[in-house]
Amino acid sequence: MEGPEIQFSEAIIDNGRFGKRVIRFETGRLAKQAAGAAMVYIDEDTALLSATTAGKSPREGFDFFPLTVDVEERMYAAGRIPGSFFRREGRPSTEAILACRLMDRPLRPAFVKGLRNEVQIVVTVLAINPDELYDVVAINASSMSTQLSGLPFSGPIGGVRVASSPTNRAPNGLPSRSTHSSRTPSSTWLLPAASPGTTSPS
């Protein structure tokens, strides 16, 4: 579905014999009541929605920036539906908690100093390939939704994964793809995130 209100940009990553990957950033389709919203798709099996909202007025008595970053993993994203006994979603996974921290660290210093309005950034995993890592995509999605929100934010933030694995290499000597299954005890992963004014190696 395309329309005048939907804007998107696609990037094609060519991994040679390991195939191509398509990453699509989109806005204007979902979460229209949020201050800023962004959908990110990886190929045809992973989709994340990031929404940024903010309070209209500063909170009284706060001497810190009340920023909340949350990642919501849904069981239906992996094709599972809670049964009749356990109808509620479980507690956040370790991966979701770490993704929140990876998002918070580069985003927080990019807001104007002295901001006291409550800001909430929520990334919802709508569909996921179980072998896929979504933390880096979540960083970029949250940056895009925050940039679109109109808040005093010195973004955008760009996050990448730098990986080194002796067992999963392309012909040029670089890792072909970072997935759960490709990670070994000898793998080295770095997640730098940066904007024009901030740098945050994670």
N, C-alpha and C. Protein backbone atom coordinates (compact mmCIF):
# COMPACT_ATOMS: atom_id res chain seq x y z
N MET A 1 0.84 -1.19 0.00
CA MET A 1 0.00 0.00 0.00
C MET A 1 0.87 1.24 0.00
N GLU A 2 0.66 2.08 -0.97
CA GLU A 2 1.38 3.34 -1.04
C GLU A 2 0.36 4.46 -1.10
N GLY A 3 0.76 5.64 -0.72
CA GLY A 3 -0.13 6.78 -0.76
C GLY A 3 0.65 8.05 -0.56
N PRO A 4 0.01 9.19 -0.76
CA PRO A 4 0.73 10.46 -0.62
C PRO A 4 1.23 10.72 0.79
N GLU A 5 0.59 10.08 1.81
CA GLU A 5 1.01 10.31 3.19
C GLU A 5 2.13 9.36 3.62
N ILE A 6 2.41 8.33 2.82
CA ILE A 6 3.43 7.35 3.16
C ILE A 6 4.72 7.69 2.43
N GLN A 7 5.78 7.89 3.20
CA GLN A 7 7.09 8.17 2.64
C GLN A 7 8.05 7.07 3.08
N PHE A 8 8.95 6.68 2.18
CA PHE A 8 9.85 5.59 2.53
C PHE A 8 11.17 5.73 1.79
N SER A 9 12.15 5.00 2.29
CA SER A 9 13.46 4.93 1.65
C SER A 9 13.98 3.51 1.83
N GLU A 10 14.57 2.96 0.78
CA GLU A 10 15.07 1.59 0.83
C GLU A 10 16.57 1.56 0.56
N ALA A 11 17.24 0.64 1.24
CA ALA A 11 18.67 0.41 1.01
C ALA A 11 18.86 -1.07 0.72
N ILE A 12 19.66 -1.38 -0.29
CA ILE A 12 19.95 -2.76 -0.65
C ILE A 12 21.40 -3.06 -0.28
N ILE A 13 21.59 -4.06 0.56
CA ILE A 13 22.92 -4.47 0.99
C ILE A 13 23.30 -5.72 0.20
N ASP A 14 24.36 -5.63 -0.60
CA ASP A 14 24.78 -6.74 -1.45
C ASP A 14 25.92 -7.49 -0.76
N ASN A 15 25.65 -8.73 -0.34
CA ASN A 15 26.65 -9.57 0.31
C ASN A 15 27.24 -10.61 -0.63
N GLY A 16 27.22 -10.32 -1.93
CA GLY A 16 27.81 -11.24 -2.89
C GLY A 16 27.10 -12.58 -2.90
N ARG A 17 27.86 -13.65 -2.76
CA ARG A 17 27.25 -14.99 -2.82
C ARG A 17 26.36 -15.29 -1.62
N PHE A 18 26.43 -14.45 -0.59
CA PHE A 18 25.56 -14.63 0.56
C PHE A 18 24.20 -13.97 0.36
N GLY A 19 24.01 -13.33 -0.79
CA GLY A 19 22.71 -12.77 -1.11
C GLY A 19 22.59 -11.29 -0.80
N LYS A 20 21.44 -10.75 -1.14
CA LYS A 20 21.15 -9.33 -0.90
C LYS A 20 20.12 -9.19 0.21
N ARG A 21 20.20 -8.06 0.90
CA ARG A 21 19.23 -7.75 1.95
C ARG A 21 18.65 -6.37 1.67
N VAL A 22 17.36 -6.23 1.93
CA VAL A 22 16.67 -4.96 1.71
C VAL A 22 16.18 -4.43 3.05
N ILE A 23 16.56 -3.20 3.37
CA ILE A 23 16.10 -2.52 4.57
C ILE A 23 15.27 -1.33 4.13
N ARG A 24 14.07 -1.24 4.65
CA ARG A 24 13.13 -0.19 4.26
C ARG A 24 12.73 0.63 5.49
N PHE A 25 12.89 1.94 5.40
CA PHE A 25 12.44 2.87 6.44
C PHE A 25 11.20 3.59 5.91
N GLU A 26 10.16 3.61 6.73
CA GLU A 26 8.88 4.13 6.26
C GLU A 26 8.19 4.93 7.36
N THR A 27 7.43 5.94 6.97
CA THR A 27 6.62 6.70 7.93
C THR A 27 5.32 7.10 7.26
N GLY A 28 4.29 7.31 8.08
CA GLY A 28 3.00 7.74 7.56
C GLY A 28 1.95 6.66 7.48
N ARG A 29 2.29 5.42 7.84
CA ARG A 29 1.34 4.32 7.74
C ARG A 29 0.71 3.99 9.10
N LEU A 30 1.54 3.86 10.15
CA LEU A 30 1.07 3.45 11.47
C LEU A 30 1.42 4.49 12.52
N ALA A 31 0.73 4.39 13.67
CA ALA A 31 0.99 5.25 14.84
C ALA A 31 0.93 6.73 14.48
N LYS A 32 -0.12 7.12 13.78
CA LYS A 32 -0.23 8.50 13.32
C LYS A 32 -0.49 9.49 14.45
N GLN A 33 -0.97 9.01 15.60
CA GLN A 33 -1.23 9.91 16.71
C GLN A 33 0.02 10.19 17.54
N ALA A 34 1.09 9.46 17.31
CA ALA A 34 2.35 9.73 17.99
C ALA A 34 3.00 10.97 17.40
N ALA A 35 3.87 11.60 18.18
CA ALA A 35 4.59 12.78 17.67
C ALA A 35 5.46 12.42 16.48
N GLY A 36 6.04 11.23 16.52
CA GLY A 36 6.85 10.74 15.41
C GLY A 36 6.79 9.22 15.38
N ALA A 37 6.72 8.64 14.20
CA ALA A 37 6.64 7.18 14.08
C ALA A 37 7.41 6.72 12.86
N ALA A 38 8.04 5.56 12.98
CA ALA A 38 8.82 5.01 11.88
C ALA A 38 8.68 3.50 11.86
N MET A 39 8.47 2.95 10.67
CA MET A 39 8.46 1.50 10.47
C MET A 39 9.76 1.13 9.77
N VAL A 40 10.36 0.03 10.22
CA VAL A 40 11.57 -0.47 9.57
C VAL A 40 11.36 -1.94 9.24
N TYR A 41 11.63 -2.28 7.99
CA TYR A 41 11.50 -3.66 7.54
C TYR A 41 12.88 -4.19 7.13
N ILE A 42 13.16 -5.43 7.50
CA ILE A 42 14.35 -6.13 7.03
C ILE A 42 13.87 -7.29 6.17
N ASP A 43 14.19 -7.24 4.89
CA ASP A 43 13.68 -8.23 3.94
C ASP A 43 12.16 -8.31 4.07
N GLU A 44 11.63 -9.51 4.12
CA GLU A 44 10.17 -9.66 4.21
C GLU A 44 9.75 -10.40 5.47
N ASP A 45 10.67 -10.53 6.44
CA ASP A 45 10.32 -11.33 7.62
C ASP A 45 10.54 -10.62 8.95
N THR A 46 11.00 -9.39 8.94
CA THR A 46 11.23 -8.66 10.19
C THR A 46 10.70 -7.25 10.05
N ALA A 47 9.91 -6.81 11.04
CA ALA A 47 9.33 -5.46 11.01
C ALA A 47 9.29 -4.89 12.42
N LEU A 48 9.75 -3.65 12.56
CA LEU A 48 9.74 -2.95 13.84
C LEU A 48 9.03 -1.61 13.67
N LEU A 49 8.25 -1.24 14.69
CA LEU A 49 7.59 0.06 14.71
C LEU A 49 8.14 0.86 15.89
N SER A 50 8.65 2.05 15.62
CA SER A 50 9.13 2.95 16.67
C SER A 50 8.22 4.16 16.74
N ALA A 51 7.77 4.49 17.95
CA ALA A 51 6.90 5.65 18.16
C ALA A 51 7.48 6.51 19.28
N THR A 52 7.51 7.81 19.05
CA THR A 52 8.02 8.77 20.04
C THR A 52 6.90 9.73 20.42
N THR A 53 6.68 9.86 21.73
CA THR A 53 5.69 10.81 22.24
C THR A 53 6.35 11.66 23.32
N ALA A 54 5.77 12.83 23.57
CA ALA A 54 6.35 13.75 24.55
C ALA A 54 5.25 14.51 25.27
N GLY A 55 5.50 14.84 26.54
CA GLY A 55 4.57 15.65 27.30
C GLY A 55 4.56 17.08 26.79
N LYS A 56 3.42 17.74 26.93
CA LYS A 56 3.28 19.10 26.40
C LYS A 56 3.98 20.14 27.27
N SER A 57 4.20 19.83 28.54
CA SER A 57 4.81 20.81 29.44
C SER A 57 5.86 20.13 30.29
N PRO A 58 6.87 20.87 30.77
CA PRO A 58 7.92 20.29 31.62
C PRO A 58 7.35 19.78 32.94
N ARG A 59 7.95 18.73 33.48
CA ARG A 59 7.54 18.20 34.76
C ARG A 59 8.15 19.04 35.88
N GLU A 60 7.32 19.43 36.82
CA GLU A 60 7.78 20.24 37.95
C GLU A 60 8.56 19.38 38.94
N GLY A 61 9.64 19.94 39.46
CA GLY A 61 10.41 19.26 40.48
C GLY A 61 11.37 18.22 39.97
N PHE A 62 11.52 18.10 38.65
CA PHE A 62 12.45 17.12 38.08
C PHE A 62 13.79 17.80 37.84
N ASP A 63 14.87 17.18 38.32
CA ASP A 63 16.20 17.70 38.05
C ASP A 63 16.95 16.80 37.06
N PHE A 64 16.20 16.00 36.31
CA PHE A 64 16.79 15.12 35.31
C PHE A 64 15.84 15.05 34.11
N PHE A 65 16.35 14.51 33.02
CA PHE A 65 15.55 14.38 31.81
C PHE A 65 14.74 13.09 31.88
N PRO A 66 13.41 13.16 31.97
CA PRO A 66 12.58 11.94 32.11
C PRO A 66 12.35 11.24 30.78
N LEU A 67 13.37 10.56 30.30
CA LEU A 67 13.28 9.81 29.05
C LEU A 67 13.06 8.33 29.36
N THR A 68 12.07 7.74 28.72
CA THR A 68 11.80 6.31 28.86
C THR A 68 11.95 5.65 27.50
N VAL A 69 12.77 4.61 27.45
CA VAL A 69 12.97 3.85 26.22
C VAL A 69 12.53 2.41 26.48
N ASP A 70 11.68 1.90 25.63
CA ASP A 70 11.10 0.58 25.86
C ASP A 70 11.07 -0.21 24.56
N VAL A 71 11.32 -1.51 24.67
CA VAL A 71 11.19 -2.44 23.55
C VAL A 71 10.14 -3.46 23.93
N GLU A 72 9.12 -3.59 23.12
CA GLU A 72 8.04 -4.53 23.37
C GLU A 72 8.09 -5.65 22.34
N GLU A 73 8.44 -6.83 22.82
CA GLU A 73 8.45 -8.01 21.96
C GLU A 73 7.09 -8.72 22.09
N ARG A 74 6.48 -9.00 20.99
CA ARG A 74 5.19 -9.69 20.98
C ARG A 74 5.37 -11.14 20.53
N MET A 75 4.65 -12.03 21.19
CA MET A 75 4.77 -13.45 20.84
C MET A 75 4.32 -13.70 19.41
N TYR A 76 3.32 -12.93 18.95
CA TYR A 76 2.85 -13.14 17.58
C TYR A 76 3.90 -12.78 16.55
N ALA A 77 4.91 -11.98 16.95
CA ALA A 77 5.97 -11.61 16.02
C ALA A 77 6.75 -12.83 15.54
N ALA A 78 6.82 -13.86 16.39
CA ALA A 78 7.51 -15.09 16.03
C ALA A 78 6.54 -16.20 15.66
N GLY A 79 5.25 -15.85 15.48
CA GLY A 79 4.27 -16.84 15.07
C GLY A 79 3.67 -17.64 16.20
N ARG A 80 3.77 -17.14 17.44
CA ARG A 80 3.21 -17.85 18.59
C ARG A 80 2.12 -16.99 19.23
N ILE A 81 1.03 -17.63 19.64
CA ILE A 81 -0.08 -16.95 20.29
C ILE A 81 -0.23 -17.53 21.69
N PRO A 82 -0.32 -16.69 22.74
CA PRO A 82 -0.50 -17.23 24.10
C PRO A 82 -1.75 -18.09 24.18
N GLY A 83 -1.64 -19.20 24.94
CA GLY A 83 -2.76 -20.12 25.06
C GLY A 83 -3.82 -19.63 26.02
N SER A 84 -4.76 -20.51 26.35
CA SER A 84 -5.89 -20.14 27.20
C SER A 84 -5.47 -19.91 28.64
N PHE A 85 -4.34 -20.49 29.07
CA PHE A 85 -3.91 -20.33 30.46
C PHE A 85 -3.05 -19.08 30.62
N PHE A 86 -2.01 -18.94 29.79
CA PHE A 86 -1.14 -17.77 29.85
C PHE A 86 -1.53 -16.83 28.70
N ARG A 87 -2.36 -15.86 29.00
CA ARG A 87 -2.81 -14.94 27.96
C ARG A 87 -1.96 -13.68 27.92
N ARG A 88 -1.23 -13.42 28.97
CA ARG A 88 -0.42 -12.21 29.00
C ARG A 88 0.95 -12.46 28.37
N GLU A 89 1.52 -11.38 27.86
CA GLU A 89 2.89 -11.48 27.37
C GLU A 89 3.83 -11.63 28.56
N GLY A 90 4.94 -12.30 28.36
CA GLY A 90 5.90 -12.50 29.44
C GLY A 90 6.71 -11.24 29.72
N ARG A 91 7.61 -11.34 30.68
CA ARG A 91 8.49 -10.22 31.01
C ARG A 91 9.46 -10.00 29.86
N PRO A 92 10.04 -8.79 29.77
CA PRO A 92 10.98 -8.51 28.67
C PRO A 92 12.15 -9.48 28.67
N SER A 93 12.56 -9.89 27.51
CA SER A 93 13.71 -10.78 27.39
C SER A 93 15.00 -10.02 27.64
N THR A 94 16.07 -10.76 27.85
CA THR A 94 17.38 -10.13 28.02
C THR A 94 17.76 -9.33 26.79
N GLU A 95 17.43 -9.85 25.61
CA GLU A 95 17.73 -9.14 24.36
C GLU A 95 16.99 -7.81 24.30
N ALA A 96 15.72 -7.78 24.75
CA ALA A 96 14.95 -6.54 24.73
C ALA A 96 15.52 -5.52 25.71
N ILE A 97 15.92 -5.98 26.89
CA ILE A 97 16.50 -5.07 27.89
C ILE A 97 17.80 -4.47 27.38
N LEU A 98 18.64 -5.30 26.77
CA LEU A 98 19.90 -4.79 26.22
C LEU A 98 19.65 -3.83 25.06
N ALA A 99 18.64 -4.12 24.24
CA ALA A 99 18.31 -3.22 23.14
C ALA A 99 17.87 -1.85 23.66
N CYS A 100 17.11 -1.84 24.76
CA CYS A 100 16.71 -0.56 25.38
C CYS A 100 17.92 0.25 25.79
N ARG A 101 18.89 -0.41 26.39
CA ARG A 101 20.09 0.30 26.83
C ARG A 101 20.91 0.81 25.65
N LEU A 102 20.97 -0.01 24.60
CA LEU A 102 21.71 0.42 23.40
C LEU A 102 21.04 1.61 22.73
N MET A 103 19.73 1.71 22.82
CA MET A 103 19.02 2.85 22.26
C MET A 103 19.18 4.08 23.13
N ASP A 104 19.05 3.89 24.45
CA ASP A 104 19.08 5.02 25.38
C ASP A 104 20.43 5.73 25.36
N ARG A 105 21.50 4.96 25.30
CA ARG A 105 22.83 5.56 25.46
C ARG A 105 23.16 6.62 24.41
N PRO A 106 22.95 6.38 23.11
CA PRO A 106 23.25 7.45 22.14
C PRO A 106 22.15 8.50 22.02
N LEU A 107 20.89 8.13 22.32
CA LEU A 107 19.79 9.08 22.14
C LEU A 107 19.75 10.13 23.24
N ARG A 108 19.98 9.74 24.48
CA ARG A 108 19.81 10.66 25.61
C ARG A 108 20.67 11.92 25.48
N PRO A 109 21.98 11.82 25.21
CA PRO A 109 22.78 13.06 25.12
C PRO A 109 22.48 13.90 23.88
N ALA A 110 21.69 13.37 22.94
CA ALA A 110 21.36 14.13 21.73
C ALA A 110 20.21 15.10 21.95
N PHE A 111 19.49 14.98 23.07
CA PHE A 111 18.44 15.94 23.38
C PHE A 111 19.05 17.20 23.98
N VAL A 112 18.36 18.32 23.81
CA VAL A 112 18.87 19.58 24.32
C VAL A 112 19.00 19.51 25.84
N LYS A 113 20.06 20.09 26.36
CA LYS A 113 20.30 20.07 27.80
C LYS A 113 19.23 20.90 28.51
N GLY A 114 18.73 20.37 29.61
CA GLY A 114 17.72 21.08 30.39
C GLY A 114 16.29 20.71 30.05
N LEU A 115 16.08 19.81 29.09
CA LEU A 115 14.73 19.39 28.73
C LEU A 115 14.12 18.59 29.88
N ARG A 116 12.91 18.97 30.30
CA ARG A 116 12.25 18.30 31.42
C ARG A 116 10.89 17.72 31.02
N ASN A 117 10.54 17.79 29.76
CA ASN A 117 9.31 17.15 29.30
C ASN A 117 9.50 15.64 29.28
N GLU A 118 8.47 14.93 29.67
CA GLU A 118 8.53 13.47 29.60
C GLU A 118 8.54 13.03 28.14
N VAL A 119 9.50 12.19 27.80
CA VAL A 119 9.61 11.66 26.44
C VAL A 119 9.62 10.14 26.53
N GLN A 120 8.81 9.51 25.71
CA GLN A 120 8.74 8.06 25.68
C GLN A 120 8.98 7.56 24.27
N ILE A 121 9.92 6.64 24.14
CA ILE A 121 10.22 6.01 22.85
C ILE A 121 9.95 4.52 23.00
N VAL A 122 9.03 4.02 22.20
CA VAL A 122 8.64 2.61 22.28
C VAL A 122 8.87 1.96 20.92
N VAL A 123 9.66 0.90 20.92
CA VAL A 123 9.88 0.10 19.72
C VAL A 123 9.14 -1.22 19.90
N THR A 124 8.21 -1.50 19.00
CA THR A 124 7.43 -2.73 19.05
C THR A 124 7.88 -3.66 17.94
N VAL A 125 8.25 -4.88 18.31
CA VAL A 125 8.65 -5.88 17.33
C VAL A 125 7.39 -6.54 16.80
N LEU A 126 7.03 -6.22 15.56
CA LEU A 126 5.80 -6.73 14.96
C LEU A 126 5.99 -8.07 14.27
N ALA A 127 7.17 -8.29 13.72
CA ALA A 127 7.49 -9.56 13.07
C ALA A 127 8.99 -9.75 13.17
N ILE A 128 9.42 -10.99 13.37
CA ILE A 128 10.85 -11.22 13.56
C ILE A 128 11.25 -12.59 13.03
N ASN A 129 12.35 -12.64 12.34
CA ASN A 129 13.01 -13.90 12.02
C ASN A 129 13.76 -14.31 13.29
N PRO A 130 13.51 -15.49 13.85
CA PRO A 130 14.13 -15.86 15.13
C PRO A 130 15.65 -15.77 15.13
N ASP A 131 16.26 -15.85 13.96
CA ASP A 131 17.72 -15.77 13.90
C ASP A 131 18.21 -14.35 13.71
N GLU A 132 17.29 -13.41 13.58
CA GLU A 132 17.65 -12.02 13.26
C GLU A 132 17.98 -11.23 14.52
N LEU A 133 18.95 -10.34 14.41
CA LEU A 133 19.28 -9.39 15.48
C LEU A 133 18.64 -8.05 15.13
N TYR A 134 17.84 -7.52 16.04
CA TYR A 134 17.10 -6.28 15.71
C TYR A 134 17.60 -5.07 16.48
N ASP A 135 18.63 -5.21 17.32
CA ASP A 135 19.05 -4.09 18.18
C ASP A 135 19.56 -2.89 17.38
N VAL A 136 20.37 -3.12 16.36
CA VAL A 136 20.90 -2.02 15.57
C VAL A 136 19.77 -1.34 14.79
N VAL A 137 18.86 -2.13 14.25
CA VAL A 137 17.72 -1.56 13.53
C VAL A 137 16.85 -0.74 14.48
N ALA A 138 16.72 -1.19 15.73
CA ALA A 138 15.93 -0.45 16.72
C ALA A 138 16.56 0.91 17.03
N ILE A 139 17.89 0.97 17.07
CA ILE A 139 18.57 2.25 17.29
C ILE A 139 18.21 3.24 16.18
N ASN A 140 18.30 2.77 14.94
CA ASN A 140 18.02 3.65 13.81
C ASN A 140 16.54 4.01 13.71
N ALA A 141 15.66 3.06 14.03
CA ALA A 141 14.23 3.34 13.99
C ALA A 141 13.84 4.36 15.05
N SER A 142 14.38 4.21 16.27
CA SER A 142 14.06 5.16 17.34
C SER A 142 14.61 6.54 17.03
N SER A 143 15.76 6.60 16.38
CA SER A 143 16.31 7.89 15.98
C SER A 143 15.41 8.56 14.95
N MET A 144 14.91 7.78 14.00
CA MET A 144 14.05 8.34 12.95
C MET A 144 12.74 8.87 13.53
N SER A 145 12.10 8.09 14.40
CA SER A 145 10.83 8.55 14.98
C SER A 145 11.03 9.78 15.85
N THR A 146 12.16 9.85 16.55
CA THR A 146 12.44 11.02 17.39
C THR A 146 12.74 12.24 16.52
N GLN A 147 13.45 12.04 15.43
CA GLN A 147 13.74 13.14 14.51
C GLN A 147 12.45 13.69 13.91
N LEU A 148 11.51 12.82 13.62
CA LEU A 148 10.24 13.24 13.04
C LEU A 148 9.31 13.90 14.05
N SER A 149 9.57 13.69 15.34
CA SER A 149 8.67 14.21 16.37
C SER A 149 8.76 15.71 16.55
N GLY A 150 9.83 16.33 16.06
CA GLY A 150 9.99 17.77 16.22
C GLY A 150 10.56 18.19 17.55
N LEU A 151 11.00 17.26 18.37
CA LEU A 151 11.61 17.59 19.66
C LEU A 151 12.99 18.20 19.45
N PRO A 152 13.50 18.94 20.44
CA PRO A 152 14.86 19.51 20.33
C PRO A 152 15.90 18.40 20.43
N PHE A 153 16.22 17.82 19.30
CA PHE A 153 17.02 16.60 19.21
C PHE A 153 18.08 16.80 18.14
N SER A 154 19.34 16.65 18.52
CA SER A 154 20.45 16.90 17.58
C SER A 154 20.82 15.62 16.84
N GLY A 155 19.84 14.98 16.26
CA GLY A 155 20.07 13.76 15.50
C GLY A 155 20.26 14.09 14.03
N PRO A 156 20.13 13.11 13.18
CA PRO A 156 19.78 11.73 13.51
C PRO A 156 20.95 10.92 14.05
N ILE A 157 20.62 9.82 14.71
CA ILE A 157 21.61 8.88 15.22
C ILE A 157 21.70 7.71 14.25
N GLY A 158 22.90 7.29 13.95
CA GLY A 158 23.10 6.11 13.11
C GLY A 158 23.85 5.05 13.88
N GLY A 159 23.33 3.84 13.90
CA GLY A 159 23.97 2.73 14.59
C GLY A 159 24.33 1.63 13.61
N VAL A 160 25.46 0.98 13.84
CA VAL A 160 25.91 -0.13 13.00
C VAL A 160 26.49 -1.22 13.90
N ARG A 161 26.64 -2.41 13.34
CA ARG A 161 27.33 -3.49 14.04
C ARG A 161 28.61 -3.80 13.29
N VAL A 162 29.72 -3.77 14.00
CA VAL A 162 31.01 -4.15 13.43
C VAL A 162 31.34 -5.52 14.01
N ALA A 163 31.43 -6.53 13.15
CA ALA A 163 31.60 -7.91 13.62
C ALA A 163 32.84 -8.54 13.02
N SER A 164 33.45 -9.40 13.81
CA SER A 164 34.60 -10.17 13.35
C SER A 164 34.41 -11.61 13.82
N SER A 165 34.34 -12.52 12.85
CA SER A 165 34.13 -13.93 13.18
C SER A 165 35.01 -14.78 12.29
N PRO A 166 35.86 -15.64 12.87
CA PRO A 166 36.75 -16.46 12.04
C PRO A 166 36.04 -17.58 11.30
N THR A 167 34.78 -17.87 11.66
CA THR A 167 34.08 -19.01 11.06
C THR A 167 33.01 -18.62 10.06
N ASN A 168 32.71 -17.33 9.94
CA ASN A 168 31.61 -16.91 9.06
C ASN A 168 32.06 -15.70 8.26
N ARG A 169 32.86 -15.95 7.22
CA ARG A 169 33.45 -14.86 6.47
C ARG A 169 33.10 -14.94 4.99
N ALA A 170 32.95 -13.77 4.41
CA ALA A 170 32.75 -13.66 2.97
C ALA A 170 34.12 -13.74 2.28
N PRO A 171 34.15 -13.79 0.95
CA PRO A 171 35.43 -13.88 0.24
C PRO A 171 36.37 -12.73 0.53
N ASN A 172 35.85 -11.56 0.89
CA ASN A 172 36.74 -10.43 1.16
C ASN A 172 37.29 -10.45 2.58
N GLY A 173 36.99 -11.52 3.34
CA GLY A 173 37.52 -11.63 4.69
C GLY A 173 36.65 -11.02 5.76
N LEU A 174 35.55 -10.35 5.36
CA LEU A 174 34.66 -9.73 6.33
C LEU A 174 33.52 -10.67 6.67
N PRO A 175 32.93 -10.53 7.87
CA PRO A 175 31.79 -11.36 8.21
C PRO A 175 30.66 -11.18 7.21
N SER A 176 30.02 -12.27 6.83
CA SER A 176 28.97 -12.19 5.81
C SER A 176 27.67 -11.64 6.37
N ARG A 177 27.36 -11.96 7.62
CA ARG A 177 26.09 -11.54 8.20
C ARG A 177 26.13 -11.81 9.70
N SER A 178 25.56 -10.92 10.48
CA SER A 178 25.52 -11.09 11.93
C SER A 178 24.15 -11.60 12.34
N THR A 179 24.12 -12.83 12.81
CA THR A 179 22.89 -13.45 13.28
C THR A 179 23.18 -14.19 14.58
N HIS A 180 22.11 -14.67 15.22
CA HIS A 180 22.30 -15.45 16.44
C HIS A 180 23.13 -16.70 16.15
N SER A 181 22.82 -17.38 15.05
CA SER A 181 23.50 -18.63 14.74
C SER A 181 24.95 -18.43 14.32
N SER A 182 25.29 -17.23 13.83
CA SER A 182 26.66 -16.99 13.36
C SER A 182 27.59 -16.58 14.49
N ARG A 183 27.03 -16.29 15.66
CA ARG A 183 27.88 -15.82 16.76
C ARG A 183 28.51 -17.02 17.46
N THR A 184 29.82 -16.93 17.66
CA THR A 184 30.58 -17.97 18.35
C THR A 184 31.35 -17.33 19.50
N PRO A 185 31.88 -18.16 20.42
CA PRO A 185 32.66 -17.57 21.53
C PRO A 185 33.84 -16.73 21.06
N SER A 186 34.34 -16.97 19.84
CA SER A 186 35.47 -16.20 19.34
C SER A 186 35.05 -14.98 18.53
N SER A 187 33.73 -14.74 18.42
CA SER A 187 33.25 -13.58 17.67
C SER A 187 33.47 -12.30 18.46
N THR A 188 33.72 -11.22 17.73
CA THR A 188 33.83 -9.89 18.34
C THR A 188 32.81 -8.97 17.70
N TRP A 189 31.96 -8.39 18.54
CA TRP A 189 30.92 -7.48 18.05
C TRP A 189 31.05 -6.13 18.72
N LEU A 190 31.03 -5.08 17.92
CA LEU A 190 31.00 -3.71 18.43
C LEU A 190 29.78 -3.02 17.84
N LEU A 191 29.13 -2.18 18.65
CA LEU A 191 27.95 -1.45 18.19
C LEU A 191 28.16 0.04 18.39
N PRO A 192 28.89 0.71 17.50
CA PRO A 192 29.03 2.16 17.61
C PRO A 192 27.78 2.87 17.09
N ALA A 193 27.43 3.95 17.76
CA ALA A 193 26.30 4.79 17.33
C ALA A 193 26.74 6.23 17.40
N ALA A 194 26.38 7.03 16.41
CA ALA A 194 26.89 8.40 16.37
C ALA A 194 25.92 9.32 15.66
N SER A 195 26.01 10.58 16.01
CA SER A 195 25.32 11.67 15.32
C SER A 195 26.38 12.72 15.03
N PRO A 196 26.02 13.82 14.38
CA PRO A 196 27.03 14.86 14.13
C PRO A 196 27.70 15.38 15.40
N GLY A 197 27.03 15.23 16.57
CA GLY A 197 27.62 15.79 17.78
C GLY A 197 27.93 14.81 18.88
N THR A 198 27.56 13.52 18.70
CA THR A 198 27.79 12.55 19.76
C THR A 198 28.34 11.27 19.19
N THR A 199 29.09 10.54 20.01
CA THR A 199 29.59 9.23 19.64
C THR A 199 29.44 8.32 20.84
N SER A 200 28.89 7.13 20.63
CA SER A 200 28.63 6.23 21.75
C SER A 200 28.98 4.81 21.36
N PRO A 201 30.24 4.36 21.58
CA PRO A 201 30.53 2.95 21.34
C PRO A 201 29.87 2.11 22.42
N SER A 202 29.12 1.08 22.02
CA SER A 202 28.37 0.27 22.98
C SER A 202 28.97 -1.13 23.06
